[in-house]
């Protein structure tokens, strides 16, 4: 049984033909790049790690955070406010 797999026939081959037609390099522009761009776009639009996990159908939140954790804003004022409120309750 030779020939292309169903995935190649339905997606990969048309994808690479499109890249070739646009004169874009194949290297670094594989089909998985769409998934990555989608995830980063969700994060930029304010999606939580749990929402991105669900959208990408990751098996565990650790997979999502391992791959995309550095894309979340580390200076989120909502988080800072939550932390400050938590410490304020501890002081009281």
PDB file of N, CA and C in Angstrom:
ATOM      1  N   UNK A   1       0.834  -1.187   0.000  1.00  0.00           N
ATOM      2  CA  UNK A   1       0.000   0.000   0.000  1.00  0.00           C
ATOM      3  C   UNK A   1       0.869   1.238   0.000  1.00  0.00           C
ATOM      4  N   UNK A   2       1.060   1.840  -1.130  1.00  0.00           N
ATOM      5  CA  UNK A   2       1.866   3.048  -1.214  1.00  0.00           C
ATOM      6  C   UNK A   2       0.994   4.284  -1.340  1.00  0.00           C
ATOM      7  N   UNK A   3       1.641   5.383  -1.544  1.00  0.00           N
ATOM      8  CA  UNK A   3       0.904   6.616  -1.756  1.00  0.00           C
ATOM      9  C   UNK A   3       0.793   7.458  -0.500  1.00  0.00           C
ATOM     10  N   UNK A   4       0.145   8.596  -0.669  1.00  0.00           N
ATOM     11  CA  UNK A   4      -0.001   9.563   0.412  1.00  0.00           C
ATOM     12  C   UNK A   4      -1.091   9.128   1.383  1.00  0.00           C
ATOM     13  N   UNK A   5      -0.911   9.511   2.621  1.00  0.00           N
ATOM     14  CA  UNK A   5      -1.939   9.241   3.615  1.00  0.00           C
ATOM     15  C   UNK A   5      -3.115  10.187   3.381  1.00  0.00           C
ATOM     16  N   UNK A   6      -4.228   9.884   4.006  1.00  0.00           N
ATOM     17  CA  UNK A   6      -5.409  10.731   3.869  1.00  0.00           C
ATOM     18  C   UNK A   6      -5.119  12.149   4.346  1.00  0.00           C
ATOM     19  N   UNK A   7      -4.390  12.276   5.476  1.00  0.00           N
ATOM     20  CA  UNK A   7      -4.031  13.603   5.991  1.00  0.00           C
ATOM     21  C   UNK A   7      -3.203  14.398   5.001  1.00  0.00           C
ATOM     22  N   UNK A   8      -2.279  13.709   4.338  1.00  0.00           N
ATOM     23  CA  UNK A   8      -1.457  14.381   3.332  1.00  0.00           C
ATOM     24  C   UNK A   8      -2.323  14.834   2.158  1.00  0.00           C
ATOM     25  N   UNK A   9      -3.218  13.959   1.718  1.00  0.00           N
ATOM     26  CA  UNK A   9      -4.050  14.278   0.563  1.00  0.00           C
ATOM     27  C   UNK A   9      -4.999  15.441   0.850  1.00  0.00           C
ATOM     28  N   UNK A  10      -5.593  15.435   2.043  1.00  0.00           N
ATOM     29  CA  UNK A  10      -6.616  16.431   2.357  1.00  0.00           C
ATOM     30  C   UNK A  10      -6.067  17.749   2.869  1.00  0.00           C
ATOM     31  N   UNK A  11      -4.906  17.725   3.510  1.00  0.00           N
ATOM     32  CA  UNK A  11      -4.434  18.954   4.115  1.00  0.00           C
ATOM     33  C   UNK A  11      -2.999  19.310   3.758  1.00  0.00           C
ATOM     34  N   UNK A  12      -2.076  18.412   4.018  1.00  0.00           N
ATOM     35  CA  UNK A  12      -0.674  18.757   3.872  1.00  0.00           C
ATOM     36  C   UNK A  12      -0.293  19.123   2.437  1.00  0.00           C
ATOM     37  N   UNK A  13      -0.721  18.335   1.468  1.00  0.00           N
ATOM     38  CA  UNK A  13      -0.368  18.629   0.076  1.00  0.00           C
ATOM     39  C   UNK A  13      -0.941  19.976  -0.380  1.00  0.00           C
ATOM     40  N   UNK A  14      -2.237  20.248  -0.145  1.00  0.00           N
ATOM     41  CA  UNK A  14      -2.754  21.576  -0.511  1.00  0.00           C
ATOM     42  C   UNK A  14      -2.052  22.710   0.247  1.00  0.00           C
ATOM     43  N   UNK A  15      -1.706  22.453   1.503  1.00  0.00           N
ATOM     44  CA  UNK A  15      -1.016  23.470   2.303  1.00  0.00           C
ATOM     45  C   UNK A  15       0.309  23.838   1.644  1.00  0.00           C
ATOM     46  N   UNK A  16       1.090  22.828   1.305  1.00  0.00           N
ATOM     47  CA  UNK A  16       2.391  23.104   0.709  1.00  0.00           C
ATOM     48  C   UNK A  16       2.264  23.687  -0.698  1.00  0.00           C
ATOM     49  N   UNK A  17       1.249  23.292  -1.437  1.00  0.00           N
ATOM     50  CA  UNK A  17       1.033  23.915  -2.761  1.00  0.00           C
ATOM     51  C   UNK A  17       0.729  25.401  -2.587  1.00  0.00           C
ATOM     52  N   UNK A  18      -0.038  25.737  -1.563  1.00  0.00           N
ATOM     53  CA  UNK A  18      -0.358  27.145  -1.293  1.00  0.00           C
ATOM     54  C   UNK A  18       0.899  27.915  -0.914  1.00  0.00           C
ATOM     55  N   UNK A  19       1.715  27.343  -0.034  1.00  0.00           N
ATOM     56  CA  UNK A  19       2.977  28.001   0.325  1.00  0.00           C
ATOM     57  C   UNK A  19       3.846  28.226  -0.907  1.00  0.00           C
ATOM     58  N   UNK A  20       3.922  27.206  -1.749  1.00  0.00           N
ATOM     59  CA  UNK A  20       4.721  27.326  -2.970  1.00  0.00           C
ATOM     60  C   UNK A  20       4.181  28.436  -3.872  1.00  0.00           C
ATOM     61  N   UNK A  21       2.862  28.511  -4.011  1.00  0.00           N
ATOM     62  CA  UNK A  21       2.249  29.543  -4.858  1.00  0.00           C
ATOM     63  C   UNK A  21       2.517  30.942  -4.309  1.00  0.00           C
ATOM     64  N   UNK A  22       2.613  31.064  -2.988  1.00  0.00           N
ATOM     65  CA  UNK A  22       2.891  32.355  -2.362  1.00  0.00           C
ATOM     66  C   UNK A  22       4.382  32.653  -2.282  1.00  0.00           C
ATOM     67  N   UNK A  23       5.196  31.686  -2.705  1.00  0.00           N
ATOM     68  CA  UNK A  23       6.654  31.784  -2.620  1.00  0.00           C
ATOM     69  C   UNK A  23       7.109  31.920  -1.164  1.00  0.00           C
ATOM     70  N   UNK A  24       6.379  31.261  -0.242  1.00  0.00           N
ATOM     71  CA  UNK A  24       6.766  31.222   1.168  1.00  0.00           C
ATOM     72  C   UNK A  24       7.565  29.951   1.395  1.00  0.00           C
ATOM     73  N   UNK A  25       8.548  30.010   2.269  1.00  0.00           N
ATOM     74  CA  UNK A  25       9.344  28.805   2.536  1.00  0.00           C
ATOM     75  C   UNK A  25       8.522  27.743   3.254  1.00  0.00           C
ATOM     76  N   UNK A  26       8.763  26.502   2.927  1.00  0.00           N
ATOM     77  CA  UNK A  26       8.085  25.397   3.616  1.00  0.00           C
ATOM     78  C   UNK A  26       8.625  25.237   5.028  1.00  0.00           C
ATOM     79  N   UNK A  27       9.930  25.433   5.181  1.00  0.00           N
ATOM     80  CA  UNK A  27      10.551  25.260   6.498  1.00  0.00           C
ATOM     81  C   UNK A  27      10.008  26.318   7.461  1.00  0.00           C
ATOM     82  N   UNK A  28       9.509  25.877   8.592  1.00  0.00           N
ATOM     83  CA  UNK A  28       8.973  26.781   9.602  1.00  0.00           C
ATOM     84  C   UNK A  28       7.538  27.205   9.365  1.00  0.00           C
ATOM     85  N   UNK A  29       6.952  26.765   8.273  1.00  0.00           N
ATOM     86  CA  UNK A  29       5.575  27.123   7.946  1.00  0.00           C
ATOM     87  C   UNK A  29       4.703  25.894   7.752  1.00  0.00           C
ATOM     88  N   UNK A  30       4.945  24.882   8.573  1.00  0.00           N
ATOM     89  CA  UNK A  30       4.138  23.664   8.487  1.00  0.00           C
ATOM     90  C   UNK A  30       2.718  23.906   8.961  1.00  0.00           C
ATOM     91  N   UNK A  31       1.849  22.948   8.713  1.00  0.00           N
ATOM     92  CA  UNK A  31       0.449  23.086   9.112  1.00  0.00           C
ATOM     93  C   UNK A  31       0.256  23.336  10.612  1.00  0.00           C
ATOM     94  N   UNK A  32       1.188  22.855  11.430  1.00  0.00           N
ATOM     95  CA  UNK A  32       1.050  23.045  12.879  1.00  0.00           C
ATOM     96  C   UNK A  32       1.158  24.519  13.268  1.00  0.00           C
ATOM     97  N   UNK A  33       1.741  25.319  12.388  1.00  0.00           N
ATOM     98  CA  UNK A  33       1.875  26.751  12.672  1.00  0.00           C
ATOM     99  C   UNK A  33       0.502  27.421  12.804  1.00  0.00           C
ATOM    100  N   UNK A  34      -0.488  26.946  12.073  1.00  0.00           N
ATOM    101  CA  UNK A  34      -1.851  27.488  12.207  1.00  0.00           C
ATOM    102  C   UNK A  34      -2.370  27.293  13.621  1.00  0.00           C
ATOM    103  N   UNK A  35      -2.152  26.122  14.160  1.00  0.00           N
ATOM    104  CA  UNK A  35      -2.595  25.804  15.528  1.00  0.00           C
ATOM    105  C   UNK A  35      -1.913  26.722  16.532  1.00  0.00           C
ATOM    106  N   UNK A  36      -0.606  26.896  16.366  1.00  0.00           N
ATOM    107  CA  UNK A  36       0.151  27.756  17.264  1.00  0.00           C
ATOM    108  C   UNK A  36      -0.334  29.209  17.167  1.00  0.00           C
ATOM    109  N   UNK A  37      -0.529  29.683  15.960  1.00  0.00           N
ATOM    110  CA  UNK A  37      -1.009  31.064  15.766  1.00  0.00           C
ATOM    111  C   UNK A  37      -2.389  31.252  16.379  1.00  0.00           C
ATOM    112  N   UNK A  38      -3.236  30.253  16.244  1.00  0.00           N
ATOM    113  CA  UNK A  38      -4.570  30.293  16.830  1.00  0.00           C
ATOM    114  C   UNK A  38      -4.479  30.414  18.351  1.00  0.00           C
ATOM    115  N   UNK A  39      -3.624  29.585  18.958  1.00  0.00           N
ATOM    116  CA  UNK A  39      -3.472  29.601  20.416  1.00  0.00           C
ATOM    117  C   UNK A  39      -2.943  30.942  20.906  1.00  0.00           C
ATOM    118  N   UNK A  40      -1.928  31.467  20.251  1.00  0.00           N
ATOM    119  CA  UNK A  40      -1.367  32.756  20.655  1.00  0.00           C
ATOM    120  C   UNK A  40      -2.404  33.863  20.485  1.00  0.00           C
ATOM    121  N   UNK A  41      -3.191  33.794  19.420  1.00  0.00           N
ATOM    122  CA  UNK A  41      -4.268  34.775  19.228  1.00  0.00           C
ATOM    123  C   UNK A  41      -5.295  34.713  20.344  1.00  0.00           C
ATOM    124  N   UNK A  42      -5.656  33.511  20.768  1.00  0.00           N
ATOM    125  CA  UNK A  42      -6.589  33.374  21.890  1.00  0.00           C
ATOM    126  C   UNK A  42      -6.018  34.022  23.147  1.00  0.00           C
ATOM    127  N   UNK A  43      -4.741  33.769  23.407  1.00  0.00           N
ATOM    128  CA  UNK A  43      -4.089  34.340  24.590  1.00  0.00           C
ATOM    129  C   UNK A  43      -4.072  35.859  24.507  1.00  0.00           C
ATOM    130  N   UNK A  44      -3.725  36.394  23.344  1.00  0.00           N
ATOM    131  CA  UNK A  44      -3.700  37.847  23.165  1.00  0.00           C
ATOM    132  C   UNK A  44      -5.086  38.463  23.346  1.00  0.00           C
ATOM    133  N   UNK A  45      -6.126  37.681  23.067  1.00  0.00           N
ATOM    134  CA  UNK A  45      -7.497  38.151  23.245  1.00  0.00           C
ATOM    135  C   UNK A  45      -8.017  37.930  24.665  1.00  0.00           C
ATOM    136  N   UNK A  46      -7.148  37.452  25.564  1.00  0.00           N
ATOM    137  CA  UNK A  46      -7.511  37.332  26.963  1.00  0.00           C
ATOM    138  C   UNK A  46      -7.964  35.964  27.422  1.00  0.00           C
ATOM    139  N   UNK A  47      -7.780  34.939  26.606  1.00  0.00           N
ATOM    140  CA  UNK A  47      -8.203  33.587  27.006  1.00  0.00           C
ATOM    141  C   UNK A  47      -7.342  33.084  28.160  1.00  0.00           C
ATOM    142  N   UNK A  48      -7.970  32.350  29.047  1.00  0.00           N
ATOM    143  CA  UNK A  48      -7.266  31.756  30.188  1.00  0.00           C
ATOM    144  C   UNK A  48      -6.542  30.485  29.734  1.00  0.00           C
ATOM    145  N   UNK A  49      -5.606  30.003  30.546  1.00  0.00           N
ATOM    146  CA  UNK A  49      -4.959  28.729  30.211  1.00  0.00           C
ATOM    147  C   UNK A  49      -5.970  27.592  30.035  1.00  0.00           C
ATOM    148  N   UNK A  50      -7.001  27.555  30.870  1.00  0.00           N
ATOM    149  CA  UNK A  50      -8.005  26.492  30.750  1.00  0.00           C
ATOM    150  C   UNK A  50      -8.773  26.599  29.428  1.00  0.00           C
ATOM    151  N   UNK A  51      -9.043  27.815  28.994  1.00  0.00           N
ATOM    152  CA  UNK A  51      -9.758  27.997  27.723  1.00  0.00           C
ATOM    153  C   UNK A  51      -8.893  27.563  26.541  1.00  0.00           C
ATOM    154  N   UNK A  52      -7.618  27.901  26.586  1.00  0.00           N
ATOM    155  CA  UNK A  52      -6.709  27.493  25.505  1.00  0.00           C
ATOM    156  C   UNK A  52      -6.555  25.976  25.503  1.00  0.00           C
ATOM    157  N   UNK A  53      -6.449  25.379  26.681  1.00  0.00           N
ATOM    158  CA  UNK A  53      -6.372  23.917  26.783  1.00  0.00           C
ATOM    159  C   UNK A  53      -7.568  23.272  26.107  1.00  0.00           C
ATOM    160  N   UNK A  54      -8.760  23.799  26.399  1.00  0.00           N
ATOM    161  CA  UNK A  54      -9.979  23.236  25.812  1.00  0.00           C
ATOM    162  C   UNK A  54     -10.013  23.437  24.296  1.00  0.00           C
ATOM    163  N   UNK A  55      -9.633  24.611  23.840  1.00  0.00           N
ATOM    164  CA  UNK A  55      -9.673  24.911  22.404  1.00  0.00           C
ATOM    165  C   UNK A  55      -8.708  24.032  21.619  1.00  0.00           C
ATOM    166  N   UNK A  56      -7.564  23.731  22.211  1.00  0.00           N
ATOM    167  CA  UNK A  56      -6.556  22.921  21.529  1.00  0.00           C
ATOM    168  C   UNK A  56      -6.692  21.437  21.836  1.00  0.00           C
ATOM    169  N   UNK A  57      -7.619  21.108  22.729  1.00  0.00           N
ATOM    170  CA  UNK A  57      -7.855  19.724  23.122  1.00  0.00           C
ATOM    171  C   UNK A  57      -6.590  19.062  23.677  1.00  0.00           C
ATOM    172  N   UNK A  58      -5.845  19.832  24.485  1.00  0.00           N
ATOM    173  CA  UNK A  58      -4.670  19.260  25.134  1.00  0.00           C
ATOM    174  C   UNK A  58      -5.108  18.254  26.189  1.00  0.00           C
ATOM    175  N   UNK A  59      -4.275  17.273  26.435  1.00  0.00           N
ATOM    176  CA  UNK A  59      -4.591  16.231  27.411  1.00  0.00           C
ATOM    177  C   UNK A  59      -4.491  16.727  28.845  1.00  0.00           C
ATOM    178  N   UNK A  60      -3.667  17.746  29.084  1.00  0.00           N
ATOM    179  CA  UNK A  60      -3.477  18.271  30.435  1.00  0.00           C
ATOM    180  C   UNK A  60      -3.088  19.741  30.360  1.00  0.00           C
ATOM    181  N   UNK A  61      -3.414  20.481  31.399  1.00  0.00           N
ATOM    182  CA  UNK A  61      -3.078  21.910  31.457  1.00  0.00           C
ATOM    183  C   UNK A  61      -1.568  22.099  31.418  1.00  0.00           C
ATOM    184  N   UNK A  62      -0.816  21.121  31.914  1.00  0.00           N
ATOM    185  CA  UNK A  62       0.643  21.241  31.889  1.00  0.00           C
ATOM    186  C   UNK A  62       1.175  21.285  30.457  1.00  0.00           C
ATOM    187  N   UNK A  63       0.496  20.623  29.547  1.00  0.00           N
ATOM    188  CA  UNK A  63       0.900  20.670  28.129  1.00  0.00           C
ATOM    189  C   UNK A  63       0.718  22.098  27.610  1.00  0.00           C
ATOM    190  N   UNK A  64      -0.425  22.686  27.913  1.00  0.00           N
ATOM    191  CA  UNK A  64      -0.721  24.054  27.467  1.00  0.00           C
ATOM    192  C   UNK A  64       0.282  25.036  28.050  1.00  0.00           C
ATOM    193  N   UNK A  65       0.507  24.954  29.346  1.00  0.00           N
ATOM    194  CA  UNK A  65       1.407  25.899  30.000  1.00  0.00           C
ATOM    195  C   UNK A  65       2.852  25.692  29.574  1.00  0.00           C
ATOM    196  N   UNK A  66       3.237  24.450  29.310  1.00  0.00           N
ATOM    197  CA  UNK A  66       4.592  24.186  28.848  1.00  0.00           C
ATOM    198  C   UNK A  66       4.839  24.823  27.485  1.00  0.00           C
ATOM    199  N   UNK A  67       3.846  24.741  26.615  1.00  0.00           N
ATOM    200  CA  UNK A  67       4.001  25.251  25.249  1.00  0.00           C
ATOM    201  C   UNK A  67       3.761  26.757  25.142  1.00  0.00           C
ATOM    202  N   UNK A  68       2.787  27.269  25.893  1.00  0.00           N
ATOM    203  CA  UNK A  68       2.341  28.653  25.694  1.00  0.00           C
ATOM    204  C   UNK A  68       2.443  29.539  26.931  1.00  0.00           C
ATOM    205  N   UNK A  69       2.977  29.007  28.032  1.00  0.00           N
ATOM    206  CA  UNK A  69       3.010  29.753  29.284  1.00  0.00           C
ATOM    207  C   UNK A  69       3.670  31.110  29.190  1.00  0.00           C
ATOM    208  N   UNK A  70       4.692  31.226  28.368  1.00  0.00           N
ATOM    209  CA  UNK A  70       5.394  32.509  28.261  1.00  0.00           C
ATOM    210  C   UNK A  70       4.619  33.549  27.464  1.00  0.00           C
ATOM    211  N   UNK A  71       3.473  33.182  26.912  1.00  0.00           N
ATOM    212  CA  UNK A  71       2.675  34.140  26.142  1.00  0.00           C
ATOM    213  C   UNK A  71       1.670  34.907  26.996  1.00  0.00           C
ATOM    214  N   UNK A  72       1.418  34.424  28.200  1.00  0.00           N
ATOM    215  CA  UNK A  72       0.500  35.154  29.065  1.00  0.00           C
ATOM    216  C   UNK A  72       1.233  36.323  29.690  1.00  0.00           C
ATOM    217  N   UNK A  73       0.535  37.440  29.818  1.00  0.00           N
ATOM    218  CA  UNK A  73       1.097  38.655  30.391  1.00  0.00           C
ATOM    219  C   UNK A  73       1.407  38.419  31.860  1.00  0.00           C
ATOM    220  N   UNK A  74       2.653  38.599  32.233  1.00  0.00           N
ATOM    221  CA  UNK A  74       3.054  38.400  33.621  1.00  0.00           C
ATOM    222  C   UNK A  74       2.723  39.600  34.500  1.00  0.00           C
ATOM    223  N   UNK A  75       2.295  40.685  33.903  1.00  0.00           N
ATOM    224  CA  UNK A  75       1.981  41.891  34.667  1.00  0.00           C
ATOM    225  C   UNK A  75       0.489  42.183  34.590  1.00  0.00           C
ATOM    226  N   UNK A  76      -0.305  41.167  34.782  1.00  0.00           N
ATOM    227  CA  UNK A  76      -1.759  41.304  34.716  1.00  0.00           C
ATOM    228  C   UNK A  76      -2.263  41.984  35.988  1.00  0.00           C
ATOM    229  N   UNK A  77      -2.883  43.163  35.877  1.00  0.00           N
ATOM    230  CA  UNK A  77      -3.354  43.864  37.076  1.00  0.00           C
ATOM    231  C   UNK A  77      -4.414  43.085  37.847  1.00  0.00           C
ATOM    232  N   UNK A  78      -5.189  42.244  37.149  1.00  0.00           N
ATOM    233  CA  UNK A  78      -6.194  41.441  37.855  1.00  0.00           C
ATOM    234  C   UNK A  78      -5.527  40.464  38.804  1.00  0.00           C
ATOM    235  N   UNK A  79      -4.458  39.842  38.357  1.00  0.00           N
ATOM    236  CA  UNK A  79      -3.733  38.913  39.218  1.00  0.00           C
ATOM    237  C   UNK A  79      -3.100  39.660  40.378  1.00  0.00           C
ATOM    238  N   UNK A  80      -2.481  40.780  40.088  1.00  0.00           N
ATOM    239  CA  UNK A  80      -1.858  41.576  41.151  1.00  0.00           C
ATOM    240  C   UNK A  80      -2.887  41.959  42.206  1.00  0.00           C
ATOM    241  N   UNK A  81      -4.084  42.366  41.765  1.00  0.00           N
ATOM    242  CA  UNK A  81      -5.150  42.728  42.705  1.00  0.00           C
ATOM    243  C   UNK A  81      -5.584  41.525  43.539  1.00  0.00           C
ATOM    244  N   UNK A  82      -5.679  40.351  42.922  1.00  0.00           N
ATOM    245  CA  UNK A  82      -6.051  39.138  43.659  1.00  0.00           C
ATOM    246  C   UNK A  82      -5.005  38.796  44.718  1.00  0.00           C
ATOM    247  N   UNK A  83      -3.731  38.890  44.334  1.00  0.00           N
ATOM    248  CA  UNK A  83      -2.651  38.590  45.274  1.00  0.00           C
ATOM    249  C   UNK A  83      -2.671  39.589  46.420  1.00  0.00           C
ATOM    250  N   UNK A  84      -2.813  40.868  46.109  1.00  0.00           N
ATOM    251  CA  UNK A  84      -2.850  41.892  47.153  1.00  0.00           C
ATOM    252  C   UNK A  84      -4.035  41.678  48.088  1.00  0.00           C
ATOM    253  N   UNK A  85      -5.189  41.321  47.537  1.00  0.00           N
ATOM    254  CA  UNK A  85      -6.374  41.073  48.370  1.00  0.00           C
ATOM    255  C   UNK A  85      -6.150  39.865  49.271  1.00  0.00           C
ATOM    256  N   UNK A  86      -5.524  38.830  48.739  1.00  0.00           N
ATOM    257  CA  UNK A  86      -5.247  37.629  49.526  1.00  0.00           C
ATOM    258  C   UNK A  86      -4.335  37.966  50.702  1.00  0.00           C
ATOM    259  N   UNK A  87      -3.275  38.742  50.444  1.00  0.00           N
ATOM    260  CA  UNK A  87      -2.358  39.114  51.522  1.00  0.00           C
ATOM    261  C   UNK A  87      -3.029  40.061  52.524  1.00  0.00           C
ATOM    262  N   UNK A  88      -3.905  40.912  52.042  1.00  0.00           N
ATOM    263  CA  UNK A  88      -4.627  41.815  52.940  1.00  0.00           C
ATOM    264  C   UNK A  88      -5.487  41.026  53.900  1.00  0.00           C
ATOM    265  N   UNK A  89      -6.133  39.963  53.439  1.00  0.00           N
ATOM    266  CA  UNK A  89      -6.953  39.122  54.312  1.00  0.00           C
ATOM    267  C   UNK A  89      -6.083  38.397  55.339  1.00  0.00           C
ATOM    268  N   UNK A  90      -4.877  38.024  54.947  1.00  0.00           N
ATOM    269  CA  UNK A  90      -3.979  37.356  55.874  1.00  0.00           C
ATOM    270  C   UNK A  90      -3.512  38.300  56.978  1.00  0.00           C
ATOM    271  N   UNK A  91      -3.329  39.565  56.637  1.00  0.00           N
ATOM    272  CA  UNK A  91      -2.883  40.575  57.615  1.00  0.00           C
ATOM    273  C   UNK A  91      -3.998  40.913  58.605  1.00  0.00           C
ATOM    274  N   UNK A  92      -5.256  40.840  58.141  1.00  0.00           N
ATOM    275  CA  UNK A  92      -6.391  41.290  58.929  1.00  0.00           C
ATOM    276  C   UNK A  92      -6.718  40.355  59.999  1.00  0.00           C
TER     277      UNK A  92
END
